[in-house]
Amino acid sequence: TALIKAGARVLLVDAGERPGGQYWRHSAGSALAAKH
């Protein structure tokens, strides 16, 4: 997020099916994204 705001182009690589990792783990369609 900070890199994009600075004007960079980012390749974001993740092993999970959806973003969030262990702390923001959520199911498809979760409202969690609206909070972060």
PDB file of all heavy atoms in Angstrom:
ATOM      1  N   THR A   1       0.830  -1.208   0.000  1.00  0.00           N
ATOM      2  CA  THR A   1       0.000   0.000   0.000  1.00  0.00           C
ATOM      3  C   THR A   1       0.864   1.258   0.000  1.00  0.00           C
ATOM      4  O   THR A   1       0.624   2.203  -0.771  1.00  0.00           O
ATOM      5  CB  THR A   1      -0.926   0.002   1.235  1.00  0.00           C
ATOM      6  OG1 THR A   1      -1.751  -1.164   1.205  1.00  0.00           O
ATOM      7  CG2 THR A   1      -1.805   1.237   1.254  1.00  0.00           C
ATOM      8  N   ALA A   2       1.885   1.279   0.854  1.00  0.00           N
ATOM      9  CA  ALA A   2       2.772   2.444   0.922  1.00  0.00           C
ATOM     10  C   ALA A   2       3.560   2.622  -0.369  1.00  0.00           C
ATOM     11  O   ALA A   2       3.775   3.750  -0.833  1.00  0.00           O
ATOM     12  CB  ALA A   2       3.722   2.295   2.106  1.00  0.00           C
ATOM     13  N   LEU A   3       3.976   1.530  -0.970  1.00  0.00           N
ATOM     14  CA  LEU A   3       4.736   1.608  -2.229  1.00  0.00           C
ATOM     15  C   LEU A   3       3.878   2.137  -3.368  1.00  0.00           C
ATOM     16  O   LEU A   3       4.333   2.941  -4.183  1.00  0.00           O
ATOM     17  CB  LEU A   3       5.289   0.225  -2.577  1.00  0.00           C
ATOM     18  CG  LEU A   3       6.476  -0.244  -1.743  1.00  0.00           C
ATOM     19  CD1 LEU A   3       6.671  -1.744  -1.870  1.00  0.00           C
ATOM     20  CD2 LEU A   3       7.752   0.500  -2.146  1.00  0.00           C
ATOM     21  N   ILE A   4       2.639   1.684  -3.427  1.00  0.00           N
ATOM     22  CA  ILE A   4       1.727   2.165  -4.472  1.00  0.00           C
ATOM     23  C   ILE A   4       1.480   3.661  -4.321  1.00  0.00           C
ATOM     24  O   ILE A   4       1.474   4.423  -5.298  1.00  0.00           O
ATOM     25  CB  ILE A   4       0.390   1.394  -4.415  1.00  0.00           C
ATOM     26  CG1 ILE A   4       0.596  -0.043  -4.890  1.00  0.00           C
ATOM     27  CG2 ILE A   4      -0.676   2.069  -5.259  1.00  0.00           C
ATOM     28  CD1 ILE A   4       1.137  -0.179  -6.303  1.00  0.00           C
ATOM     29  N   LYS A   5       1.319   4.099  -3.085  1.00  0.00           N
ATOM     30  CA  LYS A   5       1.111   5.533  -2.835  1.00  0.00           C
ATOM     31  C   LYS A   5       2.334   6.347  -3.227  1.00  0.00           C
ATOM     32  O   LYS A   5       2.213   7.524  -3.591  1.00  0.00           O
ATOM     33  CB  LYS A   5       0.778   5.762  -1.360  1.00  0.00           C
ATOM     34  CG  LYS A   5      -0.614   5.270  -0.975  1.00  0.00           C
ATOM     35  CD  LYS A   5      -0.905   5.513   0.500  1.00  0.00           C
ATOM     36  CE  LYS A   5      -2.316   5.075   0.858  1.00  0.00           C
ATOM     37  NZ  LYS A   5      -2.627   5.268   2.295  1.00  0.00           N
ATOM     38  N   ALA A   6       3.508   5.714  -3.177  1.00  0.00           N
ATOM     39  CA  ALA A   6       4.741   6.409  -3.567  1.00  0.00           C
ATOM     40  C   ALA A   6       4.959   6.383  -5.081  1.00  0.00           C
ATOM     41  O   ALA A   6       5.879   7.030  -5.585  1.00  0.00           O
ATOM     42  CB  ALA A   6       5.933   5.761  -2.862  1.00  0.00           C
ATOM     43  N   GLY A   7       4.128   5.608  -5.795  1.00  0.00           N
ATOM     44  CA  GLY A   7       4.227   5.572  -7.255  1.00  0.00           C
ATOM     45  C   GLY A   7       4.937   4.361  -7.824  1.00  0.00           C
ATOM     46  O   GLY A   7       5.264   4.330  -9.015  1.00  0.00           O
ATOM     47  N   ALA A   8       5.158   3.351  -7.010  1.00  0.00           N
ATOM     48  CA  ALA A   8       5.848   2.146  -7.489  1.00  0.00           C
ATOM     49  C   ALA A   8       4.875   1.180  -8.158  1.00  0.00           C
ATOM     50  O   ALA A   8       3.663   1.262  -7.974  1.00  0.00           O
ATOM     51  CB  ALA A   8       6.545   1.451  -6.321  1.00  0.00           C
ATOM     52  N   ARG A   9       5.441   0.265  -8.934  1.00  0.00           N
ATOM     53  CA  ARG A   9       4.685  -0.866  -9.488  1.00  0.00           C
ATOM     54  C   ARG A   9       5.101  -2.088  -8.693  1.00  0.00           C
ATOM     55  O   ARG A   9       6.296  -2.349  -8.514  1.00  0.00           O
ATOM     56  CB  ARG A   9       5.014  -1.034 -10.979  1.00  0.00           C
ATOM     57  CG  ARG A   9       4.256  -2.165 -11.662  1.00  0.00           C
ATOM     58  CD  ARG A   9       4.395  -2.016 -13.181  1.00  0.00           C
ATOM     59  NE  ARG A   9       5.799  -1.977 -13.590  1.00  0.00           N
ATOM     60  CZ  ARG A   9       6.512  -3.056 -13.915  1.00  0.00           C
ATOM     61  NH1 ARG A   9       5.971  -4.254 -13.862  1.00  0.00           N
ATOM     62  NH2 ARG A   9       7.767  -2.935 -14.303  1.00  0.00           N
ATOM     63  N   VAL A  10       4.133  -2.841  -8.191  1.00  0.00           N
ATOM     64  CA  VAL A  10       4.419  -3.900  -7.220  1.00  0.00           C
ATOM     65  C   VAL A  10       3.929  -5.262  -7.697  1.00  0.00           C
ATOM     66  O   VAL A  10       2.798  -5.398  -8.176  1.00  0.00           O
ATOM     67  CB  VAL A  10       3.757  -3.581  -5.858  1.00  0.00           C
ATOM     68  CG1 VAL A  10       3.983  -4.703  -4.862  1.00  0.00           C
ATOM     69  CG2 VAL A  10       4.294  -2.254  -5.301  1.00  0.00           C
ATOM     70  N   LEU A  11       4.797  -6.253  -7.548  1.00  0.00           N
ATOM     71  CA  LEU A  11       4.395  -7.645  -7.703  1.00  0.00           C
ATOM     72  C   LEU A  11       4.247  -8.205  -6.294  1.00  0.00           C
ATOM     73  O   LEU A  11       5.201  -8.251  -5.524  1.00  0.00           O
ATOM     74  CB  LEU A  11       5.444  -8.450  -8.470  1.00  0.00           C
ATOM     75  CG  LEU A  11       5.195  -9.965  -8.544  1.00  0.00           C
ATOM     76  CD1 LEU A  11       3.921 -10.272  -9.324  1.00  0.00           C
ATOM     77  CD2 LEU A  11       6.379 -10.683  -9.173  1.00  0.00           C
ATOM     78  N   LEU A  12       3.027  -8.608  -5.925  1.00  0.00           N
ATOM     79  CA  LEU A  12       2.727  -9.118  -4.597  1.00  0.00           C
ATOM     80  C   LEU A  12       2.498 -10.623  -4.686  1.00  0.00           C
ATOM     81  O   LEU A  12       1.561 -11.078  -5.338  1.00  0.00           O
ATOM     82  CB  LEU A  12       1.492  -8.413  -4.032  1.00  0.00           C
ATOM     83  CG  LEU A  12       1.012  -8.818  -2.634  1.00  0.00           C
ATOM     84  CD1 LEU A  12       2.091  -8.568  -1.589  1.00  0.00           C
ATOM     85  CD2 LEU A  12      -0.262  -8.055  -2.277  1.00  0.00           C
ATOM     86  N   VAL A  13       3.366 -11.376  -4.045  1.00  0.00           N
ATOM     87  CA  VAL A  13       3.344 -12.833  -4.126  1.00  0.00           C
ATOM     88  C   VAL A  13       2.893 -13.416  -2.798  1.00  0.00           C
ATOM     89  O   VAL A  13       3.419 -13.048  -1.745  1.00  0.00           O
ATOM     90  CB  VAL A  13       4.761 -13.378  -4.463  1.00  0.00           C
ATOM     91  CG1 VAL A  13       4.757 -14.902  -4.515  1.00  0.00           C
ATOM     92  CG2 VAL A  13       5.250 -12.797  -5.787  1.00  0.00           C
ATOM     93  N   ASP A  14       1.907 -14.336  -2.836  1.00  0.00           N
ATOM     94  CA  ASP A  14       1.418 -14.912  -1.592  1.00  0.00           C
ATOM     95  C   ASP A  14       0.976 -16.353  -1.801  1.00  0.00           C
ATOM     96  O   ASP A  14       0.390 -16.699  -2.824  1.00  0.00           O
ATOM     97  CB  ASP A  14       0.242 -14.092  -1.059  1.00  0.00           C
ATOM     98  CG  ASP A  14      -0.154 -14.505   0.352  1.00  0.00           C
ATOM     99  OD1 ASP A  14       0.718 -14.436   1.241  1.00  0.00           O
ATOM    100  OD2 ASP A  14      -1.314 -14.880   0.557  1.00  0.00           O
ATOM    101  N   ALA A  15       1.253 -17.185  -0.808  1.00  0.00           N
ATOM    102  CA  ALA A  15       0.895 -18.601  -0.888  1.00  0.00           C
ATOM    103  C   ALA A  15      -0.585 -18.836  -0.610  1.00  0.00           C
ATOM    104  O   ALA A  15      -1.126 -19.882  -0.975  1.00  0.00           O
ATOM    105  CB  ALA A  15       1.740 -19.416   0.086  1.00  0.00           C
ATOM    106  N   GLY A  16      -1.255 -17.891   0.034  1.00  0.00           N
ATOM    107  CA  GLY A  16      -2.657 -18.065   0.400  1.00  0.00           C
ATOM    108  C   GLY A  16      -3.607 -17.873  -0.763  1.00  0.00           C
ATOM    109  O   GLY A  16      -3.248 -17.317  -1.809  1.00  0.00           O
ATOM    110  N   GLU A  17      -4.837 -18.314  -0.548  1.00  0.00           N
ATOM    111  CA  GLU A  17      -5.865 -18.165  -1.576  1.00  0.00           C
ATOM    112  C   GLU A  17      -6.389 -16.742  -1.651  1.00  0.00           C
ATOM    113  O   GLU A  17      -6.887 -16.308  -2.684  1.00  0.00           O
ATOM    114  CB  GLU A  17      -7.033 -19.119  -1.301  1.00  0.00           C
ATOM    115  CG  GLU A  17      -6.675 -20.585  -1.495  1.00  0.00           C
ATOM    116  CD  GLU A  17      -7.901 -21.480  -1.426  1.00  0.00           C
ATOM    117  OE1 GLU A  17      -9.024 -20.946  -1.376  1.00  0.00           O
ATOM    118  OE2 GLU A  17      -7.727 -22.708  -1.432  1.00  0.00           O
ATOM    119  N   ARG A  18      -6.317 -16.028  -0.550  1.00  0.00           N
ATOM    120  CA  ARG A  18      -6.761 -14.636  -0.516  1.00  0.00           C
ATOM    121  C   ARG A  18      -5.856 -13.869   0.446  1.00  0.00           C
ATOM    122  O   ARG A  18      -5.235 -14.472   1.327  1.00  0.00           O
ATOM    123  CB  ARG A  18      -8.237 -14.532  -0.106  1.00  0.00           C
ATOM    124  CG  ARG A  18      -8.591 -15.207   1.176  1.00  0.00           C
ATOM    125  CD  ARG A  18     -10.114 -15.204   1.400  1.00  0.00           C
ATOM    126  NE  ARG A  18     -10.779 -16.045   0.426  1.00  0.00           N
ATOM    127  CZ  ARG A  18     -11.063 -17.329   0.633  1.00  0.00           C
ATOM    128  NH1 ARG A  18     -10.713 -17.913   1.769  1.00  0.00           N
ATOM    129  NH2 ARG A  18     -11.673 -18.042  -0.279  1.00  0.00           N
ATOM    130  N   PRO A  19      -5.760 -12.545   0.289  1.00  0.00           N
ATOM    131  CA  PRO A  19      -4.836 -11.778   1.126  1.00  0.00           C
ATOM    132  C   PRO A  19      -5.287 -11.732   2.581  1.00  0.00           C
ATOM    133  O   PRO A  19      -6.440 -11.971   2.910  1.00  0.00           O
ATOM    134  CB  PRO A  19      -4.887 -10.384   0.489  1.00  0.00           C
ATOM    135  CG  PRO A  19      -6.253 -10.309  -0.130  1.00  0.00           C
ATOM    136  CD  PRO A  19      -6.518 -11.695  -0.645  1.00  0.00           C
ATOM    137  N   GLY A  20      -4.351 -11.417   3.462  1.00  0.00           N
ATOM    138  CA  GLY A  20      -4.680 -11.270   4.872  1.00  0.00           C
ATOM    139  C   GLY A  20      -3.758 -12.023   5.798  1.00  0.00           C
ATOM    140  O   GLY A  20      -3.570 -11.634   6.943  1.00  0.00           O
ATOM    141  N   GLY A  21      -3.189 -13.131   5.309  1.00  0.00           N
ATOM    142  CA  GLY A  21      -2.297 -13.907   6.147  1.00  0.00           C
ATOM    143  C   GLY A  21      -3.023 -14.526   7.329  1.00  0.00           C
ATOM    144  O   GLY A  21      -4.242 -14.686   7.328  1.00  0.00           O
ATOM    145  N   GLN A  22      -2.276 -14.893   8.347  1.00  0.00           N
ATOM    146  CA  GLN A  22      -2.850 -15.541   9.530  1.00  0.00           C
ATOM    147  C   GLN A  22      -3.707 -14.568  10.339  1.00  0.00           C
ATOM    148  O   GLN A  22      -4.770 -14.919  10.839  1.00  0.00           O
ATOM    149  CB  GLN A  22      -1.718 -16.095  10.405  1.00  0.00           C
ATOM    150  CG  GLN A  22      -2.165 -16.750  11.697  1.00  0.00           C
ATOM    151  CD  GLN A  22      -2.717 -18.151  11.505  1.00  0.00           C
ATOM    152  OE1 GLN A  22      -3.303 -18.468  10.485  1.00  0.00           O
ATOM    153  NE2 GLN A  22      -2.518 -18.991  12.497  1.00  0.00           N
ATOM    154  N   TYR A  23      -3.271 -13.306  10.440  1.00  0.00           N
ATOM    155  CA  TYR A  23      -3.962 -12.349  11.300  1.00  0.00           C
ATOM    156  C   TYR A  23      -5.302 -11.913  10.716  1.00  0.00           C
ATOM    157  O   TYR A  23      -6.282 -11.760  11.426  1.00  0.00           O
ATOM    158  CB  TYR A  23      -3.081 -11.125  11.546  1.00  0.00           C
ATOM    159  CG  TYR A  23      -1.951 -11.397  12.499  1.00  0.00           C
ATOM    160  CD1 TYR A  23      -0.643 -11.514  12.042  1.00  0.00           C
ATOM    161  CD2 TYR A  23      -2.183 -11.553  13.860  1.00  0.00           C
ATOM    162  CE1 TYR A  23       0.397 -11.765  12.915  1.00  0.00           C
ATOM    163  CE2 TYR A  23      -1.145 -11.810  14.744  1.00  0.00           C
ATOM    164  CZ  TYR A  23       0.143 -11.911  14.259  1.00  0.00           C
ATOM    165  OH  TYR A  23       1.168 -12.168  15.127  1.00  0.00           O
ATOM    166  N   TRP A  24      -5.324 -11.679   9.398  1.00  0.00           N
ATOM    167  CA  TRP A  24      -6.556 -11.227   8.767  1.00  0.00           C
ATOM    168  C   TRP A  24      -7.170 -12.334   7.925  1.00  0.00           C
ATOM    169  O   TRP A  24      -7.731 -12.095   6.868  1.00  0.00           O
ATOM    170  CB  TRP A  24      -6.280 -10.004   7.885  1.00  0.00           C
ATOM    171  CG  TRP A  24      -5.954  -8.773   8.657  1.00  0.00           C
ATOM    172  CD1 TRP A  24      -6.239  -8.506   9.955  1.00  0.00           C
ATOM    173  CD2 TRP A  24      -5.278  -7.608   8.165  1.00  0.00           C
ATOM    174  NE1 TRP A  24      -5.775  -7.260  10.314  1.00  0.00           N
ATOM    175  CE2 TRP A  24      -5.188  -6.691   9.233  1.00  0.00           C
ATOM    176  CE3 TRP A  24      -4.747  -7.252   6.928  1.00  0.00           C
ATOM    177  CZ2 TRP A  24      -4.578  -5.441   9.100  1.00  0.00           C
ATOM    178  CZ3 TRP A  24      -4.144  -6.013   6.786  1.00  0.00           C
ATOM    179  CH2 TRP A  24      -4.066  -5.117   7.871  1.00  0.00           C
ATOM    180  N   ARG A  25      -7.059 -13.562   8.397  1.00  0.00           N
ATOM    181  CA  ARG A  25      -7.623 -14.687   7.654  1.00  0.00           C
ATOM    182  C   ARG A  25      -9.140 -14.511   7.571  1.00  0.00           C
ATOM    183  O   ARG A  25      -9.802 -14.225   8.564  1.00  0.00           O
ATOM    184  CB  ARG A  25      -7.291 -16.008   8.356  1.00  0.00           C
ATOM    185  CG  ARG A  25      -7.664 -17.226   7.537  1.00  0.00           C
ATOM    186  CD  ARG A  25      -7.343 -18.481   8.303  1.00  0.00           C
ATOM    187  NE  ARG A  25      -5.924 -18.670   8.496  1.00  0.00           N
ATOM    188  CZ  ARG A  25      -5.111 -19.192   7.586  1.00  0.00           C
ATOM    189  NH1 ARG A  25      -5.590 -19.561   6.414  1.00  0.00           N
ATOM    190  NH2 ARG A  25      -3.833 -19.344   7.840  1.00  0.00           N
ATOM    191  N   HIS A  26      -9.698 -14.693   6.378  1.00  0.00           N
ATOM    192  CA  HIS A  26     -11.136 -14.504   6.209  1.00  0.00           C
ATOM    193  C   HIS A  26     -11.649 -15.370   5.070  1.00  0.00           C
ATOM    194  O   HIS A  26     -10.885 -15.822   4.219  1.00  0.00           O
ATOM    195  CB  HIS A  26     -11.469 -13.032   5.930  1.00  0.00           C
ATOM    196  CG  HIS A  26     -10.788 -12.479   4.706  1.00  0.00           C
ATOM    197  ND1 HIS A  26      -9.444 -12.189   4.681  1.00  0.00           N
ATOM    198  CD2 HIS A  26     -11.255 -12.186   3.474  1.00  0.00           C
ATOM    199  CE1 HIS A  26      -9.117 -11.727   3.481  1.00  0.00           C
ATOM    200  NE2 HIS A  26     -10.200 -11.721   2.736  1.00  0.00           N
ATOM    201  N   SER A  27     -12.935 -15.592   5.058  1.00  0.00           N
ATOM    202  CA  SER A  27     -13.547 -16.393   3.999  1.00  0.00           C
ATOM    203  C   SER A  27     -13.912 -15.497   2.822  1.00  0.00           C
ATOM    204  O   SER A  27     -13.933 -14.268   2.932  1.00  0.00           O
ATOM    205  CB  SER A  27     -14.804 -17.085   4.530  1.00  0.00           C
ATOM    206  OG  SER A  27     -15.730 -16.127   5.020  1.00  0.00           O
ATOM    207  N   ALA A  28     -14.214 -16.119   1.678  1.00  0.00           N
ATOM    208  CA  ALA A  28     -14.609 -15.357   0.493  1.00  0.00           C
ATOM    209  C   ALA A  28     -15.873 -14.553   0.806  1.00  0.00           C
ATOM    210  O   ALA A  28     -16.807 -15.042   1.435  1.00  0.00           O
ATOM    211  CB  ALA A  28     -14.855 -16.311  -0.670  1.00  0.00           C
ATOM    212  N   GLY A  29     -15.894 -13.292   0.371  1.00  0.00           N
ATOM    213  CA  GLY A  29     -17.060 -12.453   0.602  1.00  0.00           C
ATOM    214  C   GLY A  29     -17.118 -11.827   1.979  1.00  0.00           C
ATOM    215  O   GLY A  29     -18.103 -11.183   2.331  1.00  0.00           O
ATOM    216  N   SER A  30     -16.067 -12.009   2.789  1.00  0.00           N
ATOM    217  CA  SER A  30     -16.050 -11.452   4.141  1.00  0.00           C
ATOM    218  C   SER A  30     -16.030  -9.926   4.091  1.00  0.00           C
ATOM    219  O   SER A  30     -15.499  -9.314   3.162  1.00  0.00           O
ATOM    220  CB  SER A  30     -14.811 -11.955   4.881  1.00  0.00           C
ATOM    221  OG  SER A  30     -14.610 -11.230   6.073  1.00  0.00           O
ATOM    222  N   ALA A  31     -16.618  -9.320   5.130  1.00  0.00           N
ATOM    223  CA  ALA A  31     -16.649  -7.856   5.209  1.00  0.00           C
ATOM    224  C   ALA A  31     -15.350  -7.285   5.770  1.00  0.00           C
ATOM    225  O   ALA A  31     -15.215  -6.077   5.903  1.00  0.00           O
ATOM    226  CB  ALA A  31     -17.819  -7.422   6.081  1.00  0.00           C
ATOM    227  N   LEU A  32     -14.376  -8.156   6.074  1.00  0.00           N
ATOM    228  CA  LEU A  32     -13.136  -7.695   6.706  1.00  0.00           C
ATOM    229  C   LEU A  32     -12.415  -6.663   5.854  1.00  0.00           C
ATOM    230  O   LEU A  32     -11.813  -5.723   6.371  1.00  0.00           O
ATOM    231  CB  LEU A  32     -12.219  -8.889   6.969  1.00  0.00           C
ATOM    232  CG  LEU A  32     -10.936  -8.601   7.757  1.00  0.00           C
ATOM    233  CD1 LEU A  32     -11.276  -8.175   9.180  1.00  0.00           C
ATOM    234  CD2 LEU A  32     -10.030  -9.822   7.782  1.00  0.00           C
ATOM    235  N   ALA A  33     -12.466  -6.847   4.513  1.00  0.00           N
ATOM    236  CA  ALA A  33     -11.746  -5.931   3.616  1.00  0.00           C
ATOM    237  C   ALA A  33     -12.212  -4.494   3.780  1.00  0.00           C
ATOM    238  O   ALA A  33     -11.436  -3.553   3.579  1.00  0.00           O
ATOM    239  CB  ALA A  33     -11.912  -6.375   2.170  1.00  0.00           C
ATOM    240  N   ALA A  34     -13.471  -4.311   4.150  1.00  0.00           N
ATOM    241  CA  ALA A  34     -13.992  -2.956   4.318  1.00  0.00           C
ATOM    242  C   ALA A  34     -13.335  -2.240   5.492  1.00  0.00           C
ATOM    243  O   ALA A  34     -13.300  -1.012   5.546  1.00  0.00           O
ATOM    244  CB  ALA A  34     -15.504  -3.006   4.513  1.00  0.00           C
ATOM    245  N   LYS A  35     -12.789  -3.016   6.435  1.00  0.00           N
ATOM    246  CA  LYS A  35     -12.182  -2.427   7.621  1.00  0.00           C
ATOM    247  C   LYS A  35     -10.713  -2.070   7.424  1.00  0.00           C
ATOM    248  O   LYS A  35     -10.153  -1.299   8.187  1.00  0.00           O
ATOM    249  CB  LYS A  35     -12.299  -3.405   8.801  1.00  0.00           C
ATOM    250  CG  LYS A  35     -13.719  -3.760   9.188  1.00  0.00           C
ATOM    251  CD  LYS A  35     -13.729  -4.754  10.343  1.00  0.00           C
ATOM    252  CE  LYS A  35     -15.137  -5.176  10.708  1.00  0.00           C
ATOM    253  NZ  LYS A  35     -15.144  -6.168  11.808  1.00  0.00           N
ATOM    254  N   HIS A  36     -10.084  -2.674   6.435  1.00  0.00           N
ATOM    255  CA  HIS A  36      -8.647  -2.483   6.260  1.00  0.00           C
ATOM    256  C   HIS A  36      -8.327  -2.070   4.823  1.00  0.00           C
ATOM    257  O   HIS A  36      -8.538  -2.840   3.889  1.00  0.00           O
ATOM    258  CB  HIS A  36      -7.889  -3.761   6.611  1.00  0.00           C
ATOM    259  CG  HIS A  36      -8.057  -4.205   8.029  1.00  0.00           C
ATOM    260  ND1 HIS A  36      -7.425  -3.581   9.092  1.00  0.00           N
ATOM    261  CD2 HIS A  36      -8.805  -5.195   8.576  1.00  0.00           C
ATOM    262  CE1 HIS A  36      -7.776  -4.180  10.220  1.00  0.00           C
ATOM    263  NE2 HIS A  36      -8.602  -5.160   9.933  1.00  0.00           N
TER     264      HIS A  36
END
